N, C-alpha and C. Protein backbone atom coordinates (compact mmCIF):
# COMPACT_ATOMS: atom_id res chain seq x y z
N MET A 1 -11.63 -30.66 22.40
CA MET A 1 -10.59 -29.85 23.02
C MET A 1 -11.11 -28.41 23.16
N ALA A 2 -11.04 -27.86 24.32
CA ALA A 2 -11.53 -26.50 24.59
C ALA A 2 -10.49 -25.47 24.17
N HIS A 3 -11.00 -24.34 23.68
CA HIS A 3 -10.10 -23.23 23.32
C HIS A 3 -9.74 -22.45 24.55
N SER A 4 -8.51 -21.99 24.59
CA SER A 4 -8.06 -21.17 25.70
C SER A 4 -7.90 -19.74 25.20
N ILE A 5 -8.92 -18.94 25.46
CA ILE A 5 -8.91 -17.55 25.01
C ILE A 5 -8.99 -16.65 26.23
N ARG A 6 -8.11 -15.64 26.25
CA ARG A 6 -8.14 -14.68 27.35
C ARG A 6 -8.04 -13.28 26.75
N PHE A 7 -9.00 -12.44 27.09
CA PHE A 7 -8.98 -11.06 26.61
C PHE A 7 -8.12 -10.24 27.55
N GLU A 8 -7.19 -9.49 26.94
CA GLU A 8 -6.29 -8.64 27.73
C GLU A 8 -5.77 -7.52 26.84
N GLU A 9 -5.19 -6.52 27.46
CA GLU A 9 -4.63 -5.39 26.71
C GLU A 9 -3.47 -5.86 25.85
N LEU A 10 -3.34 -5.25 24.70
CA LEU A 10 -2.25 -5.56 23.80
C LEU A 10 -0.96 -5.02 24.39
N PRO A 11 0.09 -5.84 24.49
CA PRO A 11 1.36 -5.36 25.06
C PRO A 11 1.99 -4.28 24.17
N THR A 12 2.79 -3.44 24.77
CA THR A 12 3.53 -2.41 24.05
C THR A 12 4.55 -3.09 23.14
N PRO A 13 4.70 -2.62 21.90
CA PRO A 13 5.68 -3.25 21.02
C PRO A 13 7.10 -3.07 21.54
N LEU A 14 7.94 -4.06 21.29
CA LEU A 14 9.32 -4.00 21.75
C LEU A 14 10.18 -3.09 20.89
N ARG A 15 9.82 -2.95 19.63
CA ARG A 15 10.60 -2.06 18.77
C ARG A 15 9.85 -0.75 18.57
N PRO A 16 10.55 0.34 18.48
CA PRO A 16 9.89 1.64 18.28
C PRO A 16 9.33 1.73 16.86
N SER A 17 8.37 2.62 16.68
CA SER A 17 7.81 2.81 15.34
C SER A 17 8.90 3.39 14.45
N SER A 18 8.83 3.07 13.19
CA SER A 18 9.87 3.49 12.26
C SER A 18 9.82 4.98 12.00
N THR A 19 10.97 5.53 11.63
CA THR A 19 11.00 6.95 11.28
C THR A 19 10.25 7.18 9.97
N ALA A 20 10.25 6.15 9.10
CA ALA A 20 9.51 6.29 7.84
C ALA A 20 8.02 6.45 8.11
N ALA A 21 7.48 5.67 9.06
CA ALA A 21 6.05 5.77 9.37
C ALA A 21 5.71 7.16 9.89
N SER A 22 6.55 7.73 10.74
CA SER A 22 6.26 9.07 11.25
C SER A 22 6.44 10.12 10.16
N ARG A 23 7.39 9.89 9.25
CA ARG A 23 7.60 10.81 8.13
C ARG A 23 6.38 10.79 7.21
N TYR A 24 5.86 9.59 6.92
CA TYR A 24 4.66 9.49 6.09
C TYR A 24 3.47 10.15 6.78
N ALA A 25 3.35 9.97 8.09
CA ALA A 25 2.24 10.58 8.83
C ALA A 25 2.30 12.11 8.73
N GLU A 26 3.50 12.65 8.83
CA GLU A 26 3.67 14.11 8.73
C GLU A 26 3.32 14.59 7.32
N THR A 27 3.77 13.86 6.30
CA THR A 27 3.45 14.22 4.92
C THR A 27 1.94 14.18 4.69
N ALA A 28 1.29 13.13 5.16
CA ALA A 28 -0.16 13.00 4.99
C ALA A 28 -0.90 14.15 5.69
N ARG A 29 -0.44 14.53 6.87
CA ARG A 29 -1.06 15.63 7.61
C ARG A 29 -0.93 16.95 6.84
N ILE A 30 0.25 17.20 6.31
CA ILE A 30 0.47 18.44 5.55
C ILE A 30 -0.44 18.47 4.32
N LEU A 31 -0.57 17.34 3.64
CA LEU A 31 -1.45 17.29 2.47
C LEU A 31 -2.91 17.51 2.87
N ARG A 32 -3.33 16.93 4.00
CA ARG A 32 -4.72 17.14 4.48
C ARG A 32 -4.96 18.60 4.82
N ASP A 33 -3.94 19.28 5.32
CA ASP A 33 -4.08 20.70 5.67
C ASP A 33 -4.14 21.60 4.43
N ASN A 34 -3.81 21.04 3.26
CA ASN A 34 -3.81 21.79 1.99
C ASN A 34 -4.54 20.97 0.92
N PRO A 35 -5.84 20.73 1.13
CA PRO A 35 -6.56 19.85 0.21
C PRO A 35 -6.56 20.36 -1.22
N GLN A 36 -6.56 19.41 -2.14
CA GLN A 36 -6.62 19.66 -3.58
C GLN A 36 -5.35 20.28 -4.16
N GLU A 37 -4.31 20.50 -3.37
CA GLU A 37 -3.07 21.10 -3.87
C GLU A 37 -2.03 20.02 -4.07
N TRP A 38 -1.47 19.94 -5.29
CA TRP A 38 -0.42 18.99 -5.57
C TRP A 38 0.87 19.41 -4.89
N ALA A 39 1.60 18.43 -4.37
CA ALA A 39 2.89 18.69 -3.75
C ALA A 39 3.86 17.59 -4.14
N ARG A 40 5.11 17.95 -4.35
CA ARG A 40 6.13 16.95 -4.61
C ARG A 40 6.53 16.37 -3.25
N VAL A 41 6.29 15.09 -3.05
CA VAL A 41 6.47 14.50 -1.72
C VAL A 41 7.68 13.57 -1.63
N GLN A 42 8.19 13.12 -2.77
CA GLN A 42 9.36 12.24 -2.75
C GLN A 42 10.17 12.40 -4.02
N GLU A 43 11.47 12.09 -3.92
CA GLU A 43 12.32 11.92 -5.08
C GLU A 43 12.89 10.52 -4.97
N ARG A 44 12.80 9.76 -6.07
CA ARG A 44 13.29 8.38 -6.08
C ARG A 44 14.40 8.24 -7.10
N THR A 45 15.21 7.20 -6.94
CA THR A 45 16.34 7.00 -7.84
C THR A 45 15.96 6.26 -9.11
N LYS A 46 14.82 5.57 -9.09
CA LYS A 46 14.37 4.81 -10.27
C LYS A 46 12.93 5.17 -10.59
N ARG A 47 12.61 5.15 -11.89
CA ARG A 47 11.25 5.45 -12.33
C ARG A 47 10.24 4.49 -11.69
N GLY A 48 10.56 3.21 -11.69
CA GLY A 48 9.66 2.20 -11.12
C GLY A 48 9.42 2.42 -9.63
N ASP A 49 10.44 2.87 -8.91
CA ASP A 49 10.27 3.14 -7.47
C ASP A 49 9.29 4.29 -7.24
N ALA A 50 9.38 5.31 -8.10
CA ALA A 50 8.46 6.44 -7.98
C ALA A 50 7.03 5.99 -8.28
N ALA A 51 6.88 5.17 -9.31
CA ALA A 51 5.54 4.67 -9.67
C ALA A 51 4.97 3.81 -8.56
N THR A 52 5.81 2.98 -7.95
CA THR A 52 5.37 2.12 -6.85
C THR A 52 4.94 2.96 -5.65
N ALA A 53 5.72 3.97 -5.31
CA ALA A 53 5.38 4.83 -4.17
C ALA A 53 4.05 5.54 -4.41
N ALA A 54 3.84 6.03 -5.64
CA ALA A 54 2.57 6.70 -5.96
C ALA A 54 1.41 5.71 -5.81
N TYR A 55 1.59 4.50 -6.29
CA TYR A 55 0.56 3.46 -6.17
C TYR A 55 0.24 3.17 -4.71
N GLN A 56 1.28 3.07 -3.87
CA GLN A 56 1.08 2.78 -2.45
C GLN A 56 0.31 3.90 -1.75
N ILE A 57 0.53 5.13 -2.16
CA ILE A 57 -0.22 6.25 -1.59
C ILE A 57 -1.67 6.19 -2.04
N ARG A 58 -1.91 6.02 -3.34
CA ARG A 58 -3.28 5.99 -3.88
C ARG A 58 -4.11 4.88 -3.26
N LYS A 59 -3.52 3.72 -3.12
CA LYS A 59 -4.26 2.55 -2.64
C LYS A 59 -4.31 2.44 -1.13
N GLY A 60 -3.67 3.37 -0.41
CA GLY A 60 -3.69 3.33 1.05
C GLY A 60 -2.86 2.19 1.62
N ILE A 61 -1.92 1.68 0.84
CA ILE A 61 -1.04 0.62 1.34
C ILE A 61 -0.18 1.17 2.46
N LEU A 62 0.26 2.40 2.32
CA LEU A 62 0.96 3.08 3.42
C LEU A 62 -0.12 3.62 4.36
N ALA A 63 -0.07 3.18 5.60
CA ALA A 63 -1.15 3.45 6.57
C ALA A 63 -1.48 4.93 6.71
N ALA A 64 -0.49 5.79 6.61
CA ALA A 64 -0.74 7.23 6.79
C ALA A 64 -1.67 7.79 5.72
N PHE A 65 -1.78 7.10 4.58
CA PHE A 65 -2.57 7.60 3.46
C PHE A 65 -3.90 6.88 3.32
N ARG A 66 -4.41 6.34 4.40
CA ARG A 66 -5.72 5.67 4.38
C ARG A 66 -6.81 6.66 4.72
N PRO A 67 -8.03 6.41 4.29
CA PRO A 67 -8.50 5.27 3.51
C PRO A 67 -8.07 5.39 2.06
N ALA A 68 -8.03 4.26 1.40
CA ALA A 68 -7.65 4.23 -0.01
C ALA A 68 -8.55 5.19 -0.79
N GLY A 69 -7.95 5.95 -1.66
CA GLY A 69 -8.70 6.90 -2.47
C GLY A 69 -8.77 8.30 -1.89
N ALA A 70 -8.34 8.49 -0.65
CA ALA A 70 -8.39 9.81 -0.04
C ALA A 70 -7.27 10.70 -0.58
N TYR A 71 -6.25 10.08 -1.16
CA TYR A 71 -5.12 10.81 -1.72
C TYR A 71 -4.95 10.40 -3.18
N GLU A 72 -4.63 11.36 -4.02
CA GLU A 72 -4.22 11.06 -5.38
C GLU A 72 -2.71 11.16 -5.42
N ALA A 73 -2.08 10.35 -6.23
CA ALA A 73 -0.63 10.39 -6.35
C ALA A 73 -0.23 10.00 -7.76
N LYS A 74 0.81 10.64 -8.25
CA LYS A 74 1.32 10.40 -9.60
C LYS A 74 2.84 10.45 -9.55
N SER A 75 3.47 9.69 -10.43
CA SER A 75 4.93 9.78 -10.57
C SER A 75 5.22 10.57 -11.84
N ARG A 76 6.27 11.37 -11.79
CA ARG A 76 6.66 12.19 -12.93
C ARG A 76 8.19 12.21 -13.04
N THR A 77 8.65 12.29 -14.29
CA THR A 77 10.09 12.44 -14.56
C THR A 77 10.32 13.88 -14.97
N ARG A 78 11.30 14.49 -14.35
CA ARG A 78 11.61 15.89 -14.65
C ARG A 78 13.12 16.07 -14.59
N ASP A 79 13.69 16.52 -15.68
CA ASP A 79 15.13 16.74 -15.76
C ASP A 79 15.92 15.49 -15.37
N GLY A 80 15.42 14.32 -15.79
CA GLY A 80 16.11 13.07 -15.53
C GLY A 80 15.97 12.55 -14.10
N ARG A 81 15.11 13.17 -13.32
CA ARG A 81 14.88 12.73 -11.93
C ARG A 81 13.46 12.24 -11.81
N TYR A 82 13.23 11.37 -10.84
CA TYR A 82 11.92 10.73 -10.67
C TYR A 82 11.26 11.21 -9.38
N TYR A 83 10.09 11.77 -9.52
CA TYR A 83 9.39 12.37 -8.39
C TYR A 83 8.01 11.75 -8.18
N VAL A 84 7.55 11.86 -6.94
CA VAL A 84 6.19 11.45 -6.59
C VAL A 84 5.47 12.72 -6.15
N TYR A 85 4.31 12.95 -6.77
CA TYR A 85 3.45 14.08 -6.42
C TYR A 85 2.17 13.52 -5.82
N ALA A 86 1.64 14.20 -4.83
CA ALA A 86 0.41 13.72 -4.20
C ALA A 86 -0.43 14.91 -3.76
N ARG A 87 -1.72 14.62 -3.57
CA ARG A 87 -2.62 15.62 -3.00
C ARG A 87 -3.75 14.89 -2.28
N TYR A 88 -4.31 15.58 -1.28
CA TYR A 88 -5.44 15.05 -0.51
C TYR A 88 -6.72 15.49 -1.19
N VAL A 89 -7.59 14.53 -1.48
CA VAL A 89 -8.86 14.85 -2.12
C VAL A 89 -10.05 14.51 -1.23
N GLY A 90 -9.79 13.93 -0.08
CA GLY A 90 -10.85 13.58 0.84
C GLY A 90 -11.44 12.21 0.51
N CYS A 91 -12.28 11.78 1.38
CA CYS A 91 -12.93 10.48 1.19
C CYS A 91 -14.09 10.65 0.22
N VAL A 92 -14.08 9.85 -0.79
CA VAL A 92 -15.14 9.89 -1.78
C VAL A 92 -16.17 8.84 -1.39
N ALA A 93 -17.36 9.30 -1.04
CA ALA A 93 -18.42 8.37 -0.63
C ALA A 93 -18.97 7.67 -1.85
N GLU A 94 -19.21 6.38 -1.70
CA GLU A 94 -19.82 5.63 -2.79
C GLU A 94 -21.30 5.94 -2.83
N PRO A 95 -21.87 6.07 -4.01
CA PRO A 95 -23.30 6.34 -4.09
C PRO A 95 -24.09 5.16 -3.54
N ALA A 96 -25.20 5.47 -2.92
CA ALA A 96 -26.06 4.42 -2.37
C ALA A 96 -26.63 3.60 -3.53
N PRO A 97 -26.69 2.30 -3.36
CA PRO A 97 -27.26 1.49 -4.43
C PRO A 97 -28.74 1.81 -4.61
N GLN A 98 -29.16 1.82 -5.87
CA GLN A 98 -30.56 2.10 -6.16
C GLN A 98 -31.33 0.79 -6.08
N GLU A 99 -32.57 0.95 -5.68
CA GLU A 99 -33.44 -0.24 -5.61
C GLU A 99 -33.71 -0.75 -7.01
N GLN A 100 -33.76 -2.05 -7.14
CA GLN A 100 -34.12 -2.65 -8.41
C GLN A 100 -35.29 -3.59 -8.18
N ARG A 101 -36.17 -3.60 -9.13
CA ARG A 101 -37.31 -4.50 -9.06
C ARG A 101 -36.88 -5.86 -9.60
N VAL A 102 -37.67 -6.83 -9.33
CA VAL A 102 -37.40 -8.18 -9.78
C VAL A 102 -37.22 -8.23 -11.30
N ASP A 103 -37.98 -7.40 -12.00
CA ASP A 103 -37.88 -7.42 -13.47
C ASP A 103 -36.67 -6.62 -13.97
N GLY A 104 -35.87 -6.06 -13.07
CA GLY A 104 -34.67 -5.33 -13.44
C GLY A 104 -34.84 -3.85 -13.61
N SER A 105 -36.07 -3.33 -13.59
CA SER A 105 -36.30 -1.89 -13.75
C SER A 105 -36.07 -1.18 -12.42
N ARG A 106 -35.90 0.14 -12.51
CA ARG A 106 -35.64 0.92 -11.29
C ARG A 106 -36.86 1.73 -10.93
């Protein structure tokens, strides 16, 4: 059975992009414009929600904060409220692997 593949432009999505996605994009841009500076970026109603949001920023799960590792994020409790703090640290390049000899020495 032959495959039927046709290359064509991707159609425009029927639903508009979410306001959350544009809000995250704006937050990420502001952090990039102020590298290495911590900023309070969210207030959450539960401690676990704040921790989850910080994790999603650190790991680049939220597209605006990609690549993973370009942003640091932490959750903090202050006066009984739960906050997410983040900062842009840039892309950390992985060191090039060093050559190893067959005997394991470098």
